[in-house]
Amino acid sequence: MKNKLDIKVIKKLYDFGGLMSYQCVYFDRVSFTVRTLPPSFNENKVKKEVEVFKARGFEASYTSTMIEFNGAFKKR
């Protein structure tokens, strides 16, 4: 089964202006450094990662970043 491009979703993303990326950040007590996990587009997944670190006694949170589109498809 081939993946189909959902034009409505793509249009909504361009109207919004970008795509949100989320990343789990935690403090590693062993190396005394702040570490980050690979970014994800799924906010719920990253929230679960943060909760796992917190349950293990780490200080953890997540950051969000908007990946802006370059304007190639921007309305004029």
PDB file of N, CA and C in Angstrom:
ATOM      1  N   MET A   1       0.837  -1.173   0.000  1.00  0.00           N
ATOM      2  CA  MET A   1       0.000   0.000   0.000  1.00  0.00           C
ATOM      3  C   MET A   1       0.889   1.246   0.000  1.00  0.00           C
ATOM      4  N   LYS A   2       0.662   2.101  -0.957  1.00  0.00           N
ATOM      5  CA  LYS A   2       1.444   3.333  -1.063  1.00  0.00           C
ATOM      6  C   LYS A   2       0.894   4.403  -0.130  1.00  0.00           C
ATOM      7  N   ASN A   3       1.806   5.208   0.399  1.00  0.00           N
ATOM      8  CA  ASN A   3       1.377   6.358   1.196  1.00  0.00           C
ATOM      9  C   ASN A   3       0.862   7.441   0.265  1.00  0.00           C
ATOM     10  N   LYS A   4      -0.253   8.059   0.635  1.00  0.00           N
ATOM     11  CA  LYS A   4      -0.819   9.130  -0.171  1.00  0.00           C
ATOM     12  C   LYS A   4      -0.540  10.455   0.500  1.00  0.00           C
ATOM     13  N   LEU A   5      -0.239  11.446  -0.284  1.00  0.00           N
ATOM     14  CA  LEU A   5       0.004  12.793   0.216  1.00  0.00           C
ATOM     15  C   LEU A   5      -1.336  13.442   0.549  1.00  0.00           C
ATOM     16  N   ASP A   6      -1.482  13.879   1.787  1.00  0.00           N
ATOM     17  CA  ASP A   6      -2.718  14.513   2.226  1.00  0.00           C
ATOM     18  C   ASP A   6      -2.570  16.025   2.031  1.00  0.00           C
ATOM     19  N   ILE A   7      -3.121  16.528   0.939  1.00  0.00           N
ATOM     20  CA  ILE A   7      -2.981  17.928   0.570  1.00  0.00           C
ATOM     21  C   ILE A   7      -3.602  18.850   1.629  1.00  0.00           C
ATOM     22  N   LYS A   8      -4.706  18.442   2.245  1.00  0.00           N
ATOM     23  CA  LYS A   8      -5.345  19.283   3.264  1.00  0.00           C
ATOM     24  C   LYS A   8      -4.417  19.494   4.462  1.00  0.00           C
ATOM     25  N   VAL A   9      -3.744  18.427   4.886  1.00  0.00           N
ATOM     26  CA  VAL A   9      -2.822  18.542   6.020  1.00  0.00           C
ATOM     27  C   VAL A   9      -1.640  19.435   5.649  1.00  0.00           C
ATOM     28  N   ILE A  10      -1.092  19.248   4.463  1.00  0.00           N
ATOM     29  CA  ILE A  10       0.035  20.068   4.006  1.00  0.00           C
ATOM     30  C   ILE A  10      -0.375  21.535   3.942  1.00  0.00           C
ATOM     31  N   LYS A  11      -1.576  21.816   3.422  1.00  0.00           N
ATOM     32  CA  LYS A  11      -2.052  23.201   3.338  1.00  0.00           C
ATOM     33  C   LYS A  11      -2.187  23.818   4.734  1.00  0.00           C
ATOM     34  N   LYS A  12      -2.724  23.048   5.698  1.00  0.00           N
ATOM     35  CA  LYS A  12      -2.864  23.557   7.064  1.00  0.00           C
ATOM     36  C   LYS A  12      -1.496  23.863   7.677  1.00  0.00           C
ATOM     37  N   LEU A  13      -0.513  23.012   7.404  1.00  0.00           N
ATOM     38  CA  LEU A  13       0.832  23.254   7.917  1.00  0.00           C
ATOM     39  C   LEU A  13       1.410  24.542   7.348  1.00  0.00           C
ATOM     40  N   TYR A  14       1.241  24.759   6.047  1.00  0.00           N
ATOM     41  CA  TYR A  14       1.767  25.980   5.436  1.00  0.00           C
ATOM     42  C   TYR A  14       1.014  27.210   5.912  1.00  0.00           C
ATOM     43  N   ASP A  15      -0.292  27.077   6.131  1.00  0.00           N
ATOM     44  CA  ASP A  15      -1.052  28.201   6.682  1.00  0.00           C
ATOM     45  C   ASP A  15      -0.590  28.522   8.100  1.00  0.00           C
ATOM     46  N   PHE A  16      -0.254  27.493   8.874  1.00  0.00           N
ATOM     47  CA  PHE A  16       0.241  27.669  10.234  1.00  0.00           C
ATOM     48  C   PHE A  16       1.629  28.309  10.216  1.00  0.00           C
ATOM     49  N   GLY A  17       2.419  27.999   9.209  1.00  0.00           N
ATOM     50  CA  GLY A  17       3.735  28.618   9.065  1.00  0.00           C
ATOM     51  C   GLY A  17       4.913  27.717   9.357  1.00  0.00           C
ATOM     52  N   GLY A  18       4.657  26.513   9.861  1.00  0.00           N
ATOM     53  CA  GLY A  18       5.769  25.625  10.161  1.00  0.00           C
ATOM     54  C   GLY A  18       5.308  24.348  10.822  1.00  0.00           C
ATOM     55  N   LEU A  19       6.266  23.614  11.289  1.00  0.00           N
ATOM     56  CA  LEU A  19       6.006  22.324  11.908  1.00  0.00           C
ATOM     57  C   LEU A  19       6.648  22.333  13.289  1.00  0.00           C
ATOM     58  N   MET A  20       5.914  21.917  14.315  1.00  0.00           N
ATOM     59  CA  MET A  20       6.430  21.919  15.676  1.00  0.00           C
ATOM     60  C   MET A  20       7.262  20.671  15.940  1.00  0.00           C
ATOM     61  N   SER A  21       8.404  20.880  16.583  1.00  0.00           N
ATOM     62  CA  SER A  21       9.302  19.805  16.974  1.00  0.00           C
ATOM     63  C   SER A  21       9.479  19.864  18.492  1.00  0.00           C
ATOM     64  N   TYR A  22       9.534  18.692  19.134  1.00  0.00           N
ATOM     65  CA  TYR A  22       9.635  18.617  20.589  1.00  0.00           C
ATOM     66  C   TYR A  22      10.854  17.773  20.964  1.00  0.00           C
ATOM     67  N   GLN A  23      11.473  18.113  22.110  1.00  0.00           N
ATOM     68  CA  GLN A  23      12.684  17.418  22.524  1.00  0.00           C
ATOM     69  C   GLN A  23      12.730  17.321  24.051  1.00  0.00           C
ATOM     70  N   CYS A  24      13.009  16.114  24.552  1.00  0.00           N
ATOM     71  CA  CYS A  24      13.137  15.875  25.985  1.00  0.00           C
ATOM     72  C   CYS A  24      14.519  16.324  26.447  1.00  0.00           C
ATOM     73  N   VAL A  25      14.553  17.081  27.552  1.00  0.00           N
ATOM     74  CA  VAL A  25      15.802  17.587  28.120  1.00  0.00           C
ATOM     75  C   VAL A  25      15.867  17.118  29.571  1.00  0.00           C
ATOM     76  N   TYR A  26      17.013  16.538  29.965  1.00  0.00           N
ATOM     77  CA  TYR A  26      17.142  16.093  31.350  1.00  0.00           C
ATOM     78  C   TYR A  26      18.555  16.349  31.860  1.00  0.00           C
ATOM     79  N   PHE A  27      18.678  16.396  33.188  1.00  0.00           N
ATOM     80  CA  PHE A  27      19.973  16.622  33.823  1.00  0.00           C
ATOM     81  C   PHE A  27      20.558  15.278  34.240  1.00  0.00           C
ATOM     82  N   ASP A  28      21.735  14.961  33.697  1.00  0.00           N
ATOM     83  CA  ASP A  28      22.439  13.713  34.009  1.00  0.00           C
ATOM     84  C   ASP A  28      23.332  13.960  35.230  1.00  0.00           C
ATOM     85  N   ARG A  29      22.962  13.353  36.351  1.00  0.00           N
ATOM     86  CA  ARG A  29      23.706  13.564  37.598  1.00  0.00           C
ATOM     87  C   ARG A  29      25.093  12.925  37.577  1.00  0.00           C
ATOM     88  N   VAL A  30      25.298  11.909  36.754  1.00  0.00           N
ATOM     89  CA  VAL A  30      26.594  11.230  36.704  1.00  0.00           C
ATOM     90  C   VAL A  30      27.637  12.118  36.023  1.00  0.00           C
ATOM     91  N   SER A  31      27.310  12.621  34.837  1.00  0.00           N
ATOM     92  CA  SER A  31      28.262  13.463  34.104  1.00  0.00           C
ATOM     93  C   SER A  31      28.092  14.954  34.417  1.00  0.00           C
ATOM     94  N   PHE A  32      27.057  15.282  35.199  1.00  0.00           N
ATOM     95  CA  PHE A  32      26.754  16.656  35.583  1.00  0.00           C
ATOM     96  C   PHE A  32      26.559  17.547  34.350  1.00  0.00           C
ATOM     97  N   THR A  33      25.808  17.030  33.391  1.00  0.00           N
ATOM     98  CA  THR A  33      25.521  17.767  32.154  1.00  0.00           C
ATOM     99  C   THR A  33      24.031  17.690  31.834  1.00  0.00           C
ATOM    100  N   VAL A  34      23.594  18.616  31.024  1.00  0.00           N
ATOM    101  CA  VAL A  34      22.226  18.591  30.507  1.00  0.00           C
ATOM    102  C   VAL A  34      22.246  17.811  29.205  1.00  0.00           C
ATOM    103  N   ARG A  35      21.390  16.827  29.112  1.00  0.00           N
ATOM    104  CA  ARG A  35      21.321  15.966  27.927  1.00  0.00           C
ATOM    105  C   ARG A  35      19.988  16.166  27.215  1.00  0.00           C
ATOM    106  N   THR A  36      19.985  15.918  25.920  1.00  0.00           N
ATOM    107  CA  THR A  36      18.746  15.998  25.148  1.00  0.00           C
ATOM    108  C   THR A  36      18.582  14.719  24.343  1.00  0.00           C
ATOM    109  N   LEU A  37      17.352  14.267  24.247  1.00  0.00           N
ATOM    110  CA  LEU A  37      17.036  13.117  23.405  1.00  0.00           C
ATOM    111  C   LEU A  37      16.766  13.613  21.986  1.00  0.00           C
ATOM    112  N   PRO A  38      16.788  12.718  21.015  1.00  0.00           N
ATOM    113  CA  PRO A  38      16.500  13.140  19.640  1.00  0.00           C
ATOM    114  C   PRO A  38      15.120  13.797  19.540  1.00  0.00           C
ATOM    115  N   PRO A  39      14.988  14.814  18.684  1.00  0.00           N
ATOM    116  CA  PRO A  39      13.695  15.504  18.553  1.00  0.00           C
ATOM    117  C   PRO A  39      12.631  14.625  17.906  1.00  0.00           C
ATOM    118  N   SER A  40      11.373  14.990  18.173  1.00  0.00           N
ATOM    119  CA  SER A  40      10.238  14.258  17.627  1.00  0.00           C
ATOM    120  C   SER A  40       9.148  15.258  17.258  1.00  0.00           C
ATOM    121  N   PHE A  41       8.300  14.884  16.321  1.00  0.00           N
ATOM    122  CA  PHE A  41       7.145  15.701  15.970  1.00  0.00           C
ATOM    123  C   PHE A  41       5.934  15.332  16.830  1.00  0.00           C
ATOM    124  N   ASN A  42       6.069  14.293  17.652  1.00  0.00           N
ATOM    125  CA  ASN A  42       4.971  13.801  18.478  1.00  0.00           C
ATOM    126  C   ASN A  42       5.133  14.312  19.912  1.00  0.00           C
ATOM    127  N   GLU A  43       4.335  15.295  20.287  1.00  0.00           N
ATOM    128  CA  GLU A  43       4.438  15.898  21.613  1.00  0.00           C
ATOM    129  C   GLU A  43       4.114  14.894  22.714  1.00  0.00           C
ATOM    130  N   ASN A  44       3.130  14.040  22.510  1.00  0.00           N
ATOM    131  CA  ASN A  44       2.752  13.059  23.529  1.00  0.00           C
ATOM    132  C   ASN A  44       3.886  12.083  23.822  1.00  0.00           C
ATOM    133  N   LYS A  45       4.610  11.672  22.801  1.00  0.00           N
ATOM    134  CA  LYS A  45       5.751  10.766  22.975  1.00  0.00           C
ATOM    135  C   LYS A  45       6.819  11.420  23.854  1.00  0.00           C
ATOM    136  N   VAL A  46       7.097  12.677  23.588  1.00  0.00           N
ATOM    137  CA  VAL A  46       8.126  13.391  24.341  1.00  0.00           C
ATOM    138  C   VAL A  46       7.666  13.611  25.782  1.00  0.00           C
ATOM    139  N   LYS A  47       6.392  13.901  25.989  1.00  0.00           N
ATOM    140  CA  LYS A  47       5.862  14.051  27.351  1.00  0.00           C
ATOM    141  C   LYS A  47       6.023  12.752  28.141  1.00  0.00           C
ATOM    142  N   LYS A  48       5.810  11.611  27.484  1.00  0.00           N
ATOM    143  CA  LYS A  48       5.989  10.319  28.151  1.00  0.00           C
ATOM    144  C   LYS A  48       7.457  10.089  28.505  1.00  0.00           C
ATOM    145  N   GLU A  49       8.371  10.486  27.615  1.00  0.00           N
ATOM    146  CA  GLU A  49       9.801  10.364  27.908  1.00  0.00           C
ATOM    147  C   GLU A  49      10.170  11.192  29.139  1.00  0.00           C
ATOM    148  N   VAL A  50       9.621  12.401  29.228  1.00  0.00           N
ATOM    149  CA  VAL A  50       9.877  13.269  30.383  1.00  0.00           C
ATOM    150  C   VAL A  50       9.370  12.595  31.660  1.00  0.00           C
ATOM    151  N   GLU A  51       8.176  12.025  31.612  1.00  0.00           N
ATOM    152  CA  GLU A  51       7.612  11.370  32.795  1.00  0.00           C
ATOM    153  C   GLU A  51       8.459  10.177  33.231  1.00  0.00           C
ATOM    154  N   VAL A  52       9.028   9.437  32.282  1.00  0.00           N
ATOM    155  CA  VAL A  52       9.901   8.304  32.627  1.00  0.00           C
ATOM    156  C   VAL A  52      11.132   8.806  33.368  1.00  0.00           C
ATOM    157  N   PHE A  53      11.750   9.865  32.885  1.00  0.00           N
ATOM    158  CA  PHE A  53      12.929  10.413  33.558  1.00  0.00           C
ATOM    159  C   PHE A  53      12.571  10.941  34.948  1.00  0.00           C
ATOM    160  N   LYS A  54      11.445  11.611  35.061  1.00  0.00           N
ATOM    161  CA  LYS A  54      11.019  12.137  36.364  1.00  0.00           C
ATOM    162  C   LYS A  54      10.750  11.001  37.346  1.00  0.00           C
ATOM    163  N   ALA A  55      10.147   9.911  36.862  1.00  0.00           N
ATOM    164  CA  ALA A  55       9.869   8.758  37.717  1.00  0.00           C
ATOM    165  C   ALA A  55      11.162   8.119  38.225  1.00  0.00           C
ATOM    166  N   ARG A  56      12.234   8.251  37.468  1.00  0.00           N
ATOM    167  CA  ARG A  56      13.543   7.708  37.868  1.00  0.00           C
ATOM    168  C   ARG A  56      14.340   8.696  38.720  1.00  0.00           C
ATOM    169  N   GLY A  57      13.757   9.854  39.016  1.00  0.00           N
ATOM    170  CA  GLY A  57      14.403  10.812  39.890  1.00  0.00           C
ATOM    171  C   GLY A  57      15.238  11.874  39.203  1.00  0.00           C
ATOM    172  N   PHE A  58      15.132  11.973  37.885  1.00  0.00           N
ATOM    173  CA  PHE A  58      15.874  12.987  37.142  1.00  0.00           C
ATOM    174  C   PHE A  58      15.059  14.272  37.054  1.00  0.00           C
ATOM    175  N   GLU A  59      15.755  15.384  36.914  1.00  0.00           N
ATOM    176  CA  GLU A  59      15.086  16.633  36.564  1.00  0.00           C
ATOM    177  C   GLU A  59      14.926  16.620  35.058  1.00  0.00           C
ATOM    178  N   ALA A  60      13.694  16.745  34.580  1.00  0.00           N
ATOM    179  CA  ALA A  60      13.453  16.657  33.141  1.00  0.00           C
ATOM    180  C   ALA A  60      12.323  17.587  32.727  1.00  0.00           C
ATOM    181  N   SER A  61      12.387  18.022  31.483  1.00  0.00           N
ATOM    182  CA  SER A  61      11.324  18.825  30.882  1.00  0.00           C
ATOM    183  C   SER A  61      11.440  18.645  29.376  1.00  0.00           C
ATOM    184  N   TYR A  62      10.609  19.374  28.630  1.00  0.00           N
ATOM    185  CA  TYR A  62      10.743  19.303  27.174  1.00  0.00           C
ATOM    186  C   TYR A  62      10.678  20.697  26.581  1.00  0.00           C
ATOM    187  N   THR A  63      11.291  20.818  25.415  1.00  0.00           N
ATOM    188  CA  THR A  63      11.289  22.086  24.700  1.00  0.00           C
ATOM    189  C   THR A  63      10.527  21.904  23.393  1.00  0.00           C
ATOM    190  N   SER A  64      10.022  23.004  22.883  1.00  0.00           N
ATOM    191  CA  SER A  64       9.351  22.969  21.581  1.00  0.00           C
ATOM    192  C   SER A  64       9.984  24.018  20.681  1.00  0.00           C
ATOM    193  N   THR A  65      10.098  23.663  19.435  1.00  0.00           N
ATOM    194  CA  THR A  65      10.689  24.544  18.435  1.00  0.00           C
ATOM    195  C   THR A  65       9.838  24.492  17.171  1.00  0.00           C
ATOM    196  N   MET A  66       9.591  25.658  16.589  1.00  0.00           N
ATOM    197  CA  MET A  66       8.878  25.660  15.320  1.00  0.00           C
ATOM    198  C   MET A  66       9.892  25.634  14.191  1.00  0.00           C
ATOM    199  N   ILE A  67       9.736  24.662  13.307  1.00  0.00           N
ATOM    200  CA  ILE A  67      10.560  24.588  12.114  1.00  0.00           C
ATOM    201  C   ILE A  67       9.797  25.353  11.042  1.00  0.00           C
ATOM    202  N   GLU A  68      10.254  26.568  10.784  1.00  0.00           N
ATOM    203  CA  GLU A  68       9.540  27.435   9.849  1.00  0.00           C
ATOM    204  C   GLU A  68       9.813  27.017   8.417  1.00  0.00           C
ATOM    205  N   PHE A  69       8.799  27.163   7.601  1.00  0.00           N
ATOM    206  CA  PHE A  69       8.962  26.888   6.183  1.00  0.00           C
ATOM    207  C   PHE A  69       9.680  28.061   5.530  1.00  0.00           C
ATOM    208  N   ASN A  70      10.339  27.797   4.434  1.00  0.00           N
ATOM    209  CA  ASN A  70      11.180  28.821   3.802  1.00  0.00           C
ATOM    210  C   ASN A  70      10.397  29.844   2.988  1.00  0.00           C
ATOM    211  N   GLY A  71       9.090  29.749   2.966  1.00  0.00           N
ATOM    212  CA  GLY A  71       8.283  30.732   2.244  1.00  0.00           C
ATOM    213  C   GLY A  71       8.081  30.428   0.776  1.00  0.00           C
ATOM    214  N   ALA A  72       8.577  29.308   0.306  1.00  0.00           N
ATOM    215  CA  ALA A  72       8.439  28.967  -1.112  1.00  0.00           C
ATOM    216  C   ALA A  72       6.975  28.806  -1.513  1.00  0.00           C
ATOM    217  N   PHE A  73       6.130  28.400  -0.568  1.00  0.00           N
ATOM    218  CA  PHE A  73       4.729  28.202  -0.883  1.00  0.00           C
ATOM    219  C   PHE A  73       3.826  29.226  -0.205  1.00  0.00           C
ATOM    220  N   LYS A  74       4.429  30.287   0.293  1.00  0.00           N
ATOM    221  CA  LYS A  74       3.692  31.315   1.013  1.00  0.00           C
ATOM    222  C   LYS A  74       2.752  32.068   0.076  1.00  0.00           C
ATOM    223  N   LYS A  75       1.575  32.426   0.595  1.00  0.00           N
ATOM    224  CA  LYS A  75       0.623  33.204  -0.201  1.00  0.00           C
ATOM    225  C   LYS A  75       1.186  34.606  -0.412  1.00  0.00           C
ATOM    226  N   ARG A  76       0.937  35.155  -1.570  1.00  0.00           N
ATOM    227  CA  ARG A  76       1.440  36.506  -1.871  1.00  0.00           C
ATOM    228  C   ARG A  76       0.313  37.491  -1.879  1.00  0.00           C
TER     229      ARG A  76
END
